Amino acid sequence: QVQLVESGGGLVQAGGSLRLSCAASGRTFSNYAMGWFRQAPGKEREFVAVISRSGDNTNHADSVKGRFTISRDNAKNAVYLQMNSLKPEDTAVYYCAADFTLNKSYIGSQSRDYTAWGQGTQVTVSS
């Protein structure tokens, strides 16, 4: 199973930016579609973004479209989430997740399809 470690969270003012990173180890990183999810206090975990194994296909939640961008570097076994124009409602714990798939272009937004999860990184956006 792949192991995932997120970093890059923190406290930022509304309108600011953060870049989250997720480092993978243990298995062939390029065999996994990679996703970002988040969970705010008292709310269910929600999909944020996903990128295919090859990086040629992405999907972003409507709530972050145009502000957040997911990317990956298979040579570095890493996936990133660039977050711009942050809003207080983006405050949450952000999780990186891996979905093993044989389809190089597959992307999925259902958390139940992801078999490996990081420990999460806190993002707090102040107003």
Protein backbone atom coordinates (compact mmCIF):
# COMPACT_ATOMS: atom_id res chain seq x y z
CA GLN A 1 0.00 0.00 0.00
CA VAL A 2 1.18 3.49 -0.74
CA GLN A 3 1.93 5.80 2.20
CA LEU A 4 1.01 9.47 1.99
CA VAL A 5 2.23 12.49 3.95
CA GLU A 6 0.73 15.95 3.47
CA SER A 7 2.42 19.26 4.19
CA GLY A 8 1.97 22.94 3.50
CA GLY A 9 -1.07 23.77 5.58
CA GLY A 10 -1.27 26.78 7.84
CA LEU A 11 -3.02 30.01 8.72
CA VAL A 12 -3.65 32.53 5.95
CA GLN A 13 -5.82 35.59 5.50
CA ALA A 14 -8.76 35.58 3.12
CA GLY A 15 -7.57 36.20 -0.42
CA GLY A 16 -4.22 34.59 0.25
CA SER A 17 -2.63 31.47 -1.19
CA LEU A 18 -1.22 28.19 0.01
CA ARG A 19 0.33 25.22 -1.75
CA LEU A 20 -0.27 21.80 -0.27
CA SER A 21 2.08 18.94 -1.04
CA CYS A 22 1.62 15.21 -0.64
CA ALA A 23 4.61 12.89 -0.70
CA ALA A 24 4.03 9.24 -1.58
CA SER A 25 6.13 6.19 -0.84
CA GLY A 26 5.88 2.45 -0.78
CA ARG A 27 4.33 1.61 -4.15
CA THR A 28 4.53 2.74 -7.75
CA PHE A 29 3.10 6.23 -7.53
CA SER A 30 2.16 6.39 -11.20
CA ASN A 31 -0.31 3.51 -10.72
CA TYR A 32 -2.57 5.74 -8.64
CA ALA A 33 -5.00 8.48 -9.42
CA MET A 34 -4.57 11.07 -6.68
CA GLY A 35 -7.19 13.14 -4.95
CA TRP A 36 -7.55 15.89 -2.40
CA PHE A 37 -10.45 15.90 0.04
CA ARG A 38 -11.25 18.16 2.97
CA GLN A 39 -13.26 18.00 6.15
CA ALA A 40 -14.44 20.98 8.14
CA PRO A 41 -15.54 20.70 11.79
CA GLY A 42 -19.00 19.18 12.03
CA LYS A 43 -19.17 18.42 8.31
CA GLU A 44 -18.64 15.36 6.17
CA ARG A 45 -15.49 14.87 4.18
CA GLU A 46 -15.87 16.36 0.71
CA PHE A 47 -14.13 16.02 -2.61
CA VAL A 48 -11.84 18.87 -3.67
CA ALA A 49 -9.85 17.72 -6.70
CA VAL A 50 -8.49 14.67 -8.50
CA ILE A 51 -5.79 14.02 -11.08
CA SER A 52 -5.32 10.96 -13.25
CA ARG A 53 -2.28 8.68 -13.17
CA SER A 54 -0.73 10.37 -16.15
CA GLY A 55 -1.74 13.87 -15.12
CA ASP A 56 -3.65 14.50 -18.34
CA ASN A 57 -7.07 14.55 -16.72
CA THR A 58 -8.24 16.56 -13.74
CA ASN A 59 -11.47 17.48 -12.02
CA HIS A 60 -12.16 20.11 -9.39
CA ALA A 61 -15.18 20.63 -7.17
CA ASP A 62 -17.39 23.52 -8.22
CA SER A 63 -16.66 25.27 -4.93
CA VAL A 64 -12.95 25.55 -5.76
CA LYS A 65 -12.98 25.67 -9.55
CA GLY A 66 -10.95 28.60 -10.83
CA ARG A 67 -9.19 29.03 -7.47
CA PHE A 68 -7.54 25.67 -6.78
CA THR A 69 -5.35 23.61 -9.11
CA ILE A 70 -4.22 20.04 -8.65
CA SER A 71 -0.99 18.82 -10.22
CA ARG A 72 1.45 15.94 -9.86
CA ASP A 73 5.07 15.09 -10.50
CA ASN A 74 5.49 11.34 -10.98
CA ALA A 75 9.27 11.65 -10.98
CA LYS A 76 9.09 13.09 -7.45
CA ASN A 77 6.20 10.88 -6.25
CA ALA A 78 4.26 13.96 -5.30
CA VAL A 79 0.91 15.62 -5.82
CA TYR A 80 0.14 19.26 -5.14
CA LEU A 81 -2.83 21.51 -4.54
CA GLN A 82 -2.30 25.18 -5.34
CA MET A 83 -4.94 27.19 -3.51
CA ASN A 84 -5.49 30.83 -4.46
CA SER A 85 -8.09 33.40 -3.43
CA LEU A 86 -8.74 31.49 -0.24
CA LYS A 87 -11.98 32.04 1.62
CA PRO A 88 -12.90 31.40 5.27
CA GLU A 89 -15.16 28.58 4.08
CA ASP A 90 -12.07 26.77 2.77
CA THR A 91 -11.00 26.19 6.38
CA ALA A 92 -10.69 22.44 6.90
CA VAL A 93 -8.33 19.55 7.32
CA TYR A 94 -7.10 18.63 3.84
CA TYR A 95 -6.36 15.01 3.01
CA CYS A 96 -4.41 13.48 0.18
CA ALA A 97 -5.70 10.12 -1.09
CA ALA A 98 -4.65 7.46 -3.59
CA ASP A 99 -6.87 5.38 -5.88
CA PHE A 100 -5.21 2.40 -7.57
CA THR A 101 -6.43 2.12 -11.15
CA LEU A 102 -5.39 0.44 -14.39
CA ASN A 103 -6.85 3.31 -16.43
CA LYS A 104 -4.26 6.03 -16.95
CA SER A 105 -6.91 8.69 -17.51
CA TYR A 106 -9.40 7.63 -14.83
CA ILE A 107 -10.49 10.16 -12.22
CA GLY A 108 -12.98 9.56 -9.44
CA SER A 109 -14.52 11.85 -6.85
CA GLN A 110 -15.95 9.28 -4.46
CA SER A 111 -13.95 8.91 -1.26
CA ARG A 112 -14.94 5.23 -0.96
CA ASP A 113 -12.83 4.46 -4.05
CA TYR A 114 -9.63 5.68 -2.40
CA THR A 115 -7.66 3.05 -0.51
CA ALA A 116 -4.83 5.08 0.98
CA TRP A 117 -5.07 8.32 2.94
CA GLY A 118 -2.66 10.73 4.53
CA GLN A 119 -2.99 12.06 8.05
CA GLY A 120 -4.24 15.46 6.89
CA THR A 121 -2.98 19.02 7.12
CA GLN A 122 -4.91 21.90 8.66
CA VAL A 123 -5.77 24.93 6.55
CA THR A 124 -7.26 27.91 8.36
CA VAL A 125 -8.41 31.00 6.49
CA SER A 126 -9.13 34.07 8.58
CA SER A 127 -11.55 36.78 7.51
